């Protein structure tokens, strides 16, 4: 295998143009932190963008940051923190879950995988904050979309099209994101000892209140002990995060305590302890055990998640915890993986959604649809987009199916 390491956008253009002319497939990666997601690739050449790195524009007053696609996300987050700013959508770090080191993801990978975190309830995902891109299509042609200002209208919004494309449509070379001020104060209210159904009801009640909860997650018994260095103990914890100015946060936490006073014992967790806890929830640290036990990421109707898990447990041994008010389920299969059709069939019976296999042995990932199969009309549209952007199918061929 040959690894190609361009250092400029022009070198990316020439590399992809050569691969297109030779009809030679390329694996596209940054630092490889998400390499284990998707079907295994069989390519002779790897296009490594890790040397295409550096912040090219940062204007804190304008809330805009541009960087080359291979720039480590950790470097960008440190720069933003120095100016009390953040990527509000809180992109996940897949490294620990997939057996790698934390902090190895790149800003280009953030958009390609459309990453988000527990704050998605309030802030959305990467696609909701992207302002512009520069990229190279599978034809070897450079193109750009959007710009470097928040208010920008320049034709078709191809920037959002790149979200969740996993490097199969184009090679990103530069990206521009909207950034936002970081919260002055963060406090998490933990309701202890709830079963999954009671936790779902408590989260729904909190999200329906005026407390402006920015994140809601439920860690069942024993799962809770696997976050924040075990400081929560093993008792189930239903977590509600409130962010903003200090007096406002105090008022809203007090309102939540009144609202949920009869649900169960309440604990307040603030500052760095709260941030560490939500980082571990975001990065699926409870299942980052160094094994290849299959892990599924399931998005579905929040109120149906615990019911679906209960039904699944009648047919398979599974550990689970809940984010996004129960709309995001992380499932670890403890005794092998049941048929994907079983999980996706249960998902349809409980309101529909998407199930993605994010961790498994390569042989297992090669044997089934890793990503949720698309409806026929959507699959036809995706095929036409692939044909337009990458007619010779040289960019991450087969990764998504």
Protein backbone atom coordinates (compact mmCIF):
# COMPACT_ATOMS: atom_id res chain seq x y z
CA UNK A 1 0.00 0.00 0.00
CA UNK A 2 1.23 3.47 -0.91
CA UNK A 3 0.53 6.38 1.42
CA UNK A 4 0.26 9.78 -0.28
CA UNK A 5 0.75 12.78 2.04
CA UNK A 6 -0.05 16.11 0.34
CA UNK A 7 0.81 19.32 2.16
CA UNK A 8 -1.18 21.77 -0.02
CA UNK A 9 -4.60 21.88 -1.64
CA UNK A 10 -2.97 21.87 -5.09
CA UNK A 11 -1.20 18.63 -4.24
CA UNK A 12 -4.56 17.11 -3.22
CA UNK A 13 -6.02 18.14 -6.59
CA UNK A 14 -3.14 16.58 -8.54
CA UNK A 15 -3.23 13.39 -6.45
CA UNK A 16 -6.95 12.84 -6.91
CA UNK A 17 -6.73 13.72 -10.62
CA UNK A 18 -4.01 11.09 -11.02
CA UNK A 19 -6.07 8.48 -9.16
CA UNK A 20 -9.12 9.28 -11.31
CA UNK A 21 -7.11 8.95 -14.53
CA UNK A 22 -5.69 5.62 -13.36
CA UNK A 23 -9.04 4.53 -11.86
CA UNK A 24 -7.10 3.69 -8.71
CA UNK A 25 -9.20 3.82 -5.50
CA UNK A 26 -8.06 5.92 -2.54
CA UNK A 27 -8.67 5.57 1.16
CA UNK A 28 -9.19 9.09 2.52
CA UNK A 29 -8.15 9.76 6.11
CA UNK A 30 -6.82 12.37 8.52
CA UNK A 31 -5.28 10.73 11.58
CA UNK A 32 -7.40 7.59 11.23
CA UNK A 33 -9.39 8.02 14.46
CA UNK A 34 -12.59 6.82 12.73
CA UNK A 35 -10.95 4.32 10.39
CA UNK A 36 -12.77 1.42 12.03
CA UNK A 37 -16.23 2.76 11.14
CA UNK A 38 -17.83 1.55 7.94
CA UNK A 39 -17.10 -1.44 5.78
CA UNK A 40 -13.38 -2.31 5.50
CA UNK A 41 -11.69 -0.79 2.45
CA UNK A 42 -9.48 -2.62 -0.01
CA UNK A 43 -7.46 0.09 -1.71
CA UNK A 44 -3.91 0.16 -3.00
CA UNK A 45 -3.36 3.80 -2.04
CA UNK A 46 -4.11 5.95 1.04
CA UNK A 47 -4.54 9.71 0.83
CA UNK A 48 -3.33 10.93 4.23
CA UNK A 49 -4.35 14.53 4.97
CA UNK A 50 -2.61 14.83 8.33
CA UNK A 51 0.01 17.19 6.88
CA UNK A 52 -2.68 19.49 5.50
CA UNK A 53 -2.92 21.25 8.82
CA UNK A 54 -3.24 24.68 10.38
CA UNK A 55 -5.79 27.36 11.25
CA UNK A 56 -6.02 29.79 8.33
CA UNK A 57 -8.48 32.31 9.81
CA UNK A 58 -9.80 32.98 13.28
CA UNK A 59 -11.79 36.08 14.10
CA UNK A 60 -13.22 35.73 17.62
CA UNK A 61 -15.31 38.89 17.29
CA UNK A 62 -16.91 37.55 14.11
CA UNK A 63 -17.40 34.04 15.55
CA UNK A 64 -15.70 32.42 12.54
CA UNK A 65 -12.84 29.93 12.26
CA UNK A 66 -11.28 28.41 9.13
CA UNK A 67 -8.76 25.58 9.10
CA UNK A 68 -7.20 23.06 6.78
CA UNK A 69 -8.97 19.71 6.86
CA UNK A 70 -6.17 17.80 8.58
CA UNK A 71 -5.95 20.18 11.55
CA UNK A 72 -6.34 18.23 14.83
CA UNK A 73 -9.63 19.02 16.53
CA UNK A 74 -7.82 19.14 19.87
CA UNK A 75 -5.69 22.06 18.63
CA UNK A 76 -8.78 23.96 17.53
CA UNK A 77 -10.57 23.37 20.82
CA UNK A 78 -7.55 24.66 22.76
CA UNK A 79 -7.43 27.80 20.61
CA UNK A 80 -11.12 28.43 21.12
CA UNK A 81 -10.90 27.83 24.87
CA UNK A 82 -8.23 30.53 25.14
CA UNK A 83 -10.87 32.95 23.85
CA UNK A 84 -13.76 31.54 25.91
CA UNK A 85 -15.35 30.10 22.77
CA UNK A 86 -16.32 26.65 21.57
CA UNK A 87 -17.73 24.48 18.82
CA UNK A 88 -21.19 24.45 20.37
CA UNK A 89 -22.18 21.15 18.78
CA UNK A 90 -19.57 19.38 20.95
CA UNK A 91 -18.09 16.90 18.41
CA UNK A 92 -17.53 13.37 19.66
CA UNK A 93 -14.08 11.78 19.83
CA UNK A 94 -14.35 8.20 18.54
CA UNK A 95 -10.72 7.38 19.35
CA UNK A 96 -11.15 5.75 22.79
CA UNK A 97 -14.19 3.69 21.72
CA UNK A 98 -12.30 2.28 18.72
CA UNK A 99 -9.19 1.44 20.71
CA UNK A 100 -7.17 4.52 19.77
CA UNK A 101 -5.83 7.55 21.57
CA UNK A 102 -8.10 10.51 22.42
CA UNK A 103 -7.62 13.81 20.61
CA UNK A 104 -6.62 12.37 17.23
CA UNK A 105 -9.67 13.46 15.22
CA UNK A 106 -9.41 16.21 12.59
CA UNK A 107 -11.68 19.12 11.75
CA UNK A 108 -12.31 17.68 8.28
CA UNK A 109 -13.41 14.41 9.84
CA UNK A 110 -15.82 16.32 12.08
CA UNK A 111 -17.78 17.43 9.01
CA UNK A 112 -17.33 14.20 7.01
CA UNK A 113 -18.87 12.22 9.90
CA UNK A 114 -21.31 15.01 10.91
CA UNK A 115 -20.22 14.70 14.52
CA UNK A 116 -22.13 16.02 17.48
CA UNK A 117 -22.43 15.46 21.22
CA UNK A 118 -24.87 15.60 24.14
CA UNK A 119 -25.67 19.25 23.36
CA UNK A 120 -27.22 18.24 20.02
CA UNK A 121 -30.67 18.74 21.56
CA UNK A 122 -29.94 22.46 21.66
CA UNK A 123 -27.07 23.11 19.26
CA UNK A 124 -27.47 20.57 16.46
CA UNK A 125 -24.57 18.84 14.69
CA UNK A 126 -21.61 19.81 12.51
CA UNK A 127 -23.82 20.39 9.47
CA UNK A 128 -25.70 23.09 11.37
CA UNK A 129 -22.50 25.09 12.02
CA UNK A 130 -20.54 24.69 8.78
CA UNK A 131 -20.22 27.93 6.82
CA UNK A 132 -18.03 26.95 3.90
CA UNK A 133 -15.70 24.36 2.40
CA UNK A 134 -13.01 23.89 -0.19
CA UNK A 135 -12.86 20.38 -1.59
CA UNK A 136 -11.75 18.18 -4.47
CA UNK A 137 -14.25 15.92 -6.23
CA UNK A 138 -13.52 12.41 -7.43
CA UNK A 139 -13.02 13.90 -10.88
CA UNK A 140 -9.94 15.70 -9.57
CA UNK A 141 -11.68 19.09 -9.75
CA UNK A 142 -11.41 21.68 -6.98
CA UNK A 143 -14.61 23.40 -5.88
CA UNK A 144 -15.83 25.53 -3.01
CA UNK A 145 -19.14 26.28 -1.37
CA UNK A 146 -20.24 28.87 1.17
CA UNK A 147 -17.83 31.39 2.60
CA UNK A 148 -16.24 32.84 5.69
CA UNK A 149 -19.14 34.89 7.00
CA UNK A 150 -22.22 33.78 8.93
CA UNK A 151 -24.61 35.50 6.53
CA UNK A 152 -23.66 34.04 3.18
CA UNK A 153 -25.69 32.95 0.14
CA UNK A 154 -23.66 31.49 -2.72
CA UNK A 155 -25.64 28.95 -4.72
CA UNK A 156 -26.22 25.36 -3.65
CA UNK A 157 -25.21 24.56 -0.09
CA UNK A 158 -22.72 21.81 -0.90
CA UNK A 159 -21.13 22.26 2.53
CA UNK A 160 -24.02 20.47 4.20
CA UNK A 161 -23.97 17.80 1.50
CA UNK A 162 -20.51 16.79 2.69
CA UNK A 163 -21.86 16.15 6.21
CA UNK A 164 -22.06 12.40 6.88
CA UNK A 165 -20.59 11.54 3.46
CA UNK A 166 -17.57 9.85 5.10
CA UNK A 167 -15.18 10.91 2.36
CA UNK A 168 -17.15 9.20 -0.43
CA UNK A 169 -18.13 12.33 -2.40
CA UNK A 170 -15.10 14.61 -2.15
CA UNK A 171 -11.84 15.25 -0.32
CA UNK A 172 -12.19 18.23 2.00
CA UNK A 173 -9.18 20.55 2.03
CA UNK A 174 -10.45 23.57 4.03
CA UNK A 175 -13.48 24.09 6.25
CA UNK A 176 -15.02 27.14 7.92
CA UNK A 177 -17.18 26.79 11.03
CA UNK A 178 -19.27 29.13 13.09
CA UNK A 179 -18.06 29.26 16.70
CA UNK A 180 -19.94 30.47 19.78
CA UNK A 181 -19.12 31.77 23.28
CA UNK A 182 -18.60 29.07 25.89
CA UNK A 183 -21.02 29.00 28.81
CA UNK A 184 -19.90 30.91 31.89
CA UNK A 185 -21.40 28.34 34.25
CA UNK A 186 -22.30 24.65 33.86
CA UNK A 187 -24.24 22.61 36.41
CA UNK A 188 -25.63 19.09 36.06
CA UNK A 189 -28.54 17.85 38.13
CA UNK A 190 -28.41 14.08 38.65
CA UNK A 191 -31.52 12.14 39.60
CA UNK A 192 -30.38 8.88 41.18
CA UNK A 193 -31.76 5.37 41.13
CA UNK A 194 -34.30 5.58 38.31
CA UNK A 195 -35.18 2.66 36.08
CA UNK A 196 -35.11 3.30 32.35
CA UNK A 197 -38.84 4.02 31.99
CA UNK A 198 -38.89 6.45 34.92
CA UNK A 199 -35.75 8.13 33.59
CA UNK A 200 -37.40 8.63 30.19
CA UNK A 201 -40.37 10.29 31.90
CA UNK A 202 -38.11 12.51 34.04
CA UNK A 203 -36.07 13.65 31.03
CA UNK A 204 -39.23 14.42 29.06
CA UNK A 205 -40.59 16.46 31.96
CA UNK A 206 -37.34 18.41 32.30
CA UNK A 207 -37.01 19.09 28.56
CA UNK A 208 -40.62 20.28 28.45
CA UNK A 209 -40.04 22.80 31.22
CA UNK A 210 -38.72 26.36 31.04
CA UNK A 211 -35.37 25.32 32.55
CA UNK A 212 -33.65 25.28 29.13
CA UNK A 213 -31.88 21.97 29.69
CA UNK A 214 -29.07 21.68 27.13
CA UNK A 215 -28.34 17.96 27.57
CA UNK A 216 -30.20 14.97 29.02
CA UNK A 217 -28.78 11.46 29.44
CA UNK A 218 -29.52 8.34 31.47
CA UNK A 219 -26.82 5.98 32.73
CA UNK A 220 -28.38 2.77 34.09
CA UNK A 221 -27.06 0.91 37.10
CA UNK A 222 -23.38 -0.07 36.81
CA UNK A 223 -23.00 1.98 33.60
CA UNK A 224 -22.85 5.13 35.75
CA UNK A 225 -19.66 3.88 37.42
CA UNK A 226 -17.84 3.96 34.05
CA UNK A 227 -17.83 7.74 33.62
CA UNK A 228 -15.94 10.54 35.36
CA UNK A 229 -13.49 8.13 36.95
CA UNK A 230 -16.22 6.32 38.88
CA UNK A 231 -17.16 9.37 40.95
CA UNK A 232 -20.87 8.79 40.33
CA UNK A 233 -20.84 5.33 41.87
CA UNK A 234 -22.77 2.43 40.38
CA UNK A 235 -26.32 3.64 41.10
CA UNK A 236 -28.27 4.73 38.01
CA UNK A 237 -27.94 8.43 37.19
CA UNK A 238 -30.27 10.55 35.05
CA UNK A 239 -28.29 13.64 34.05
CA UNK A 240 -29.67 17.07 33.16
CA UNK A 241 -27.22 19.82 32.15
CA UNK A 242 -27.98 23.52 32.49
CA UNK A 243 -25.60 26.16 31.08
CA UNK A 244 -25.38 29.95 30.93
CA UNK A 245 -24.76 32.89 33.27
CA UNK A 246 -24.38 32.00 36.93
CA UNK A 247 -27.59 33.53 38.34
CA UNK A 248 -29.66 32.14 35.49
CA UNK A 249 -28.23 28.64 35.96
CA UNK A 250 -28.90 28.75 39.70
CA UNK A 251 -32.50 29.79 39.11
CA UNK A 252 -33.11 27.07 36.52
CA UNK A 253 -31.48 24.35 38.63
CA UNK A 254 -33.73 25.34 41.52
CA UNK A 255 -36.75 25.09 39.22
CA UNK A 256 -35.67 21.61 38.13
CA UNK A 257 -35.27 20.52 41.73
CA UNK A 258 -38.82 21.61 42.45
CA UNK A 259 -40.10 19.89 39.32
CA UNK A 260 -38.28 16.59 39.95
CA UNK A 261 -38.19 16.59 43.75
CA UNK A 262 -40.35 13.45 43.97
CA UNK A 263 -38.58 11.55 41.18
CA UNK A 264 -35.65 10.44 43.32
CA UNK A 265 -32.58 11.64 45.24
CA UNK A 266 -30.99 14.70 43.60
CA UNK A 267 -27.32 15.66 43.30
CA UNK A 268 -25.66 18.76 41.86
CA UNK A 269 -22.45 18.40 39.88
CA UNK A 270 -20.76 21.55 38.65
CA UNK A 271 -17.72 22.95 36.89
CA UNK A 272 -14.94 20.62 35.73
CA UNK A 273 -16.61 17.55 37.25
CA UNK A 274 -19.69 18.19 35.11
CA UNK A 275 -17.61 18.78 31.97
CA UNK A 276 -15.65 15.56 32.50
CA UNK A 277 -18.84 13.58 32.96
CA UNK A 278 -20.41 14.89 29.76
CA UNK A 279 -17.19 14.31 27.85
CA UNK A 280 -17.36 10.64 28.83
CA UNK A 281 -21.02 10.42 27.83
CA UNK A 282 -20.20 12.12 24.52
CA UNK A 283 -17.33 9.76 23.72
CA UNK A 284 -19.17 6.58 24.77
CA UNK A 285 -16.50 5.94 27.41
CA UNK A 286 -18.62 3.32 29.25
CA UNK A 287 -18.02 0.99 26.30
CA UNK A 288 -14.42 2.07 25.55
CA UNK A 289 -13.03 -1.16 26.99
CA UNK A 290 -10.46 -2.08 24.33
CA UNK A 291 -12.55 -5.00 23.10
CA UNK A 292 -14.19 -5.67 19.75
CA UNK A 293 -17.60 -6.36 21.27
CA UNK A 294 -20.06 -4.90 18.73
CA UNK A 295 -21.31 -1.40 19.59
CA UNK A 296 -24.32 0.11 17.84
CA UNK A 297 -25.32 3.77 17.70
CA UNK A 298 -29.10 4.04 17.39
CA UNK A 299 -31.08 7.24 16.89
CA UNK A 300 -34.85 7.04 17.33
CA UNK A 301 -37.91 8.62 18.94
CA UNK A 302 -36.86 9.52 22.53
CA UNK A 303 -39.90 8.07 24.24
CA UNK A 304 -39.50 4.69 22.53
CA UNK A 305 -35.86 3.96 23.28
CA UNK A 306 -36.25 2.17 26.62
CA UNK A 307 -39.10 0.06 25.23
CA UNK A 308 -36.99 -1.03 22.27
CA UNK A 309 -34.09 -1.95 24.57
CA UNK A 310 -36.43 -4.00 26.77
CA UNK A 311 -37.70 -5.94 23.73
CA UNK A 312 -34.16 -6.45 22.41
CA UNK A 313 -33.02 -7.85 25.77
CA UNK A 314 -35.55 -10.64 25.43
CA UNK A 315 -33.53 -11.90 22.46
CA UNK A 316 -29.94 -10.77 23.10
CA UNK A 317 -27.55 -9.86 25.93
CA UNK A 318 -27.04 -6.11 25.62
CA UNK A 319 -25.77 -3.21 27.72
CA UNK A 320 -27.23 0.21 26.98
CA UNK A 321 -27.24 3.86 27.95
CA UNK A 322 -29.16 6.85 26.65
CA UNK A 323 -28.32 10.35 25.42
CA UNK A 324 -30.38 13.10 23.74
CA UNK A 325 -33.30 12.56 26.14
CA UNK A 326 -33.31 8.91 25.07
CA UNK A 327 -33.19 9.68 21.34
CA UNK A 328 -29.64 8.33 21.07
CA UNK A 329 -28.95 4.80 22.30
CA UNK A 330 -25.52 3.26 22.69
CA UNK A 331 -25.78 -0.54 22.66
CA UNK A 332 -22.98 -3.02 23.38
CA UNK A 333 -23.68 -6.63 22.46
CA UNK A 334 -22.26 -8.80 25.23
CA UNK A 335 -22.45 -12.24 23.60
CA UNK A 336 -21.87 -11.71 19.90
CA UNK A 337 -24.03 -9.58 17.63
CA UNK A 338 -27.61 -10.52 16.74
CA UNK A 339 -28.67 -10.19 13.14
CA UNK A 340 -28.68 -6.56 12.04
CA UNK A 341 -32.13 -7.26 10.64
CA UNK A 342 -33.36 -8.04 14.17
CA UNK A 343 -32.22 -4.70 15.59
CA UNK A 344 -33.44 -2.70 12.62
CA UNK A 345 -36.74 -4.58 12.60
CA UNK A 346 -37.31 -3.67 16.25
CA UNK A 347 -36.39 -0.10 15.43
CA UNK A 348 -39.12 0.08 12.79
CA UNK A 349 -41.66 -1.34 15.25
CA UNK A 350 -40.80 1.42 17.72
CA UNK A 351 -41.24 4.46 15.53
CA UNK A 352 -38.29 4.10 13.16
CA UNK A 353 -34.81 5.57 13.21
CA UNK A 354 -31.26 4.67 12.23
CA UNK A 355 -28.87 2.01 13.55
CA UNK A 356 -25.15 2.23 12.74
CA UNK A 357 -22.57 -0.38 13.72
CA UNK A 358 -19.70 1.77 14.99
CA UNK A 359 -17.46 -0.94 16.43
CA UNK A 360 -16.91 -4.55 15.39
CA UNK A 361 -14.22 -6.82 14.01
CA UNK A 362 -13.41 -6.16 10.32
CA UNK A 363 -14.87 -9.49 9.24
CA UNK A 364 -18.13 -8.64 10.95
CA UNK A 365 -18.28 -5.16 9.39
CA UNK A 366 -17.66 -6.67 5.96
CA UNK A 367 -20.59 -9.05 6.30
CA UNK A 368 -23.48 -6.66 6.93
CA UNK A 369 -24.76 -3.13 6.18
CA UNK A 370 -22.88 -1.00 8.71
CA UNK A 371 -24.96 2.11 7.99
CA UNK A 372 -28.75 2.17 8.00
CA UNK A 373 -29.98 1.00 4.56
CA UNK A 374 -31.67 3.82 2.67
CA UNK A 375 -35.19 3.77 1.28
CA UNK A 376 -35.21 3.09 -2.49
CA UNK A 377 -35.89 6.70 -3.51
CA UNK A 378 -33.18 8.06 -1.22
CA UNK A 379 -30.73 5.37 -2.31
CA UNK A 380 -31.32 6.32 -5.95
CA UNK A 381 -30.66 9.98 -5.12
CA UNK A 382 -27.46 9.06 -3.25
CA UNK A 383 -26.30 6.99 -6.23
CA UNK A 384 -26.83 9.94 -8.58
CA UNK A 385 -24.86 12.23 -6.27
CA UNK A 386 -22.04 9.70 -6.11
CA UNK A 387 -22.04 9.49 -9.90
CA UNK A 388 -21.80 13.28 -10.23
CA UNK A 389 -19.08 13.81 -7.63
CA UNK A 390 -17.08 10.58 -8.03
CA UNK A 391 -18.02 8.86 -11.32
CA UNK A 392 -15.08 6.41 -11.17
CA UNK A 393 -15.81 5.44 -7.54
CA UNK A 394 -12.28 6.10 -6.31
CA UNK A 395 -13.04 7.85 -3.00
CA UNK A 396 -13.46 5.44 -0.06
CA UNK A 397 -15.20 2.91 -2.33
CA UNK A 398 -17.61 0.61 -0.49
CA UNK A 399 -17.20 2.25 2.91
CA UNK A 400 -20.86 3.12 3.22
CA UNK A 401 -22.19 0.04 1.40
